[in-house]
Each structure stands twice: as structure tokens, then as C-alpha cells.
Amino acid sequence: MSSRSAPRQPTHPHTGARSRSVRVDVATHEEIKRLANDIGATVGATVPLTVRRLRQERMGDELSAPLRDDESARLDAELG
């Protein structure tokens, strides 16, 4: 039985983190490039920042939504 190691995953040239390719249409790629240029970053650095921002926005939307009935009931019960 031969011992073969798993193929090496591509890594980001600056961080050394494993990387993957993401296919986007030309217009989206151009927009990412514009955003990257606006913030003085690379396209590769802009994508994770954009993903993080989207997560934060979704979290903010969730936190600003009115409480569900079960959440209100639990809070009211804890107040006695």
C-alpha cells in the first residue's frame, strides 16, 4: 500500500490561508474591482470584507426586528 499525501490546496499569496475560486459574472467582478479600488485593497481582500459586512447587516436586521411572541413571553416570565 503506497502512502500518498492529499493534494495541496491553493493558498492565498499574502495570508497563506487556503483559497478557492468563485465564479461571478463580468459586471459583478467589475463592481468588486471598483469597491477594492475605493478602499485601497485587492479584490481578494475585498470579498471577505464584503461577506462580513453582509453578515453584520443581516444580524442588525434580525436584532432590530420586533420580538416574537415566545421571546416576549420568556422575557416577561423572567421579570416575574
Foldseek 3Di string as FASTA:
>chain_A
DDDDDDDDADADPPPRHGDDDDDDDPVVQVVLCVVCVVVVHDSVVSVVVVVVVVVVVVVVVVVPDDDDPVVVVVVVVVVD
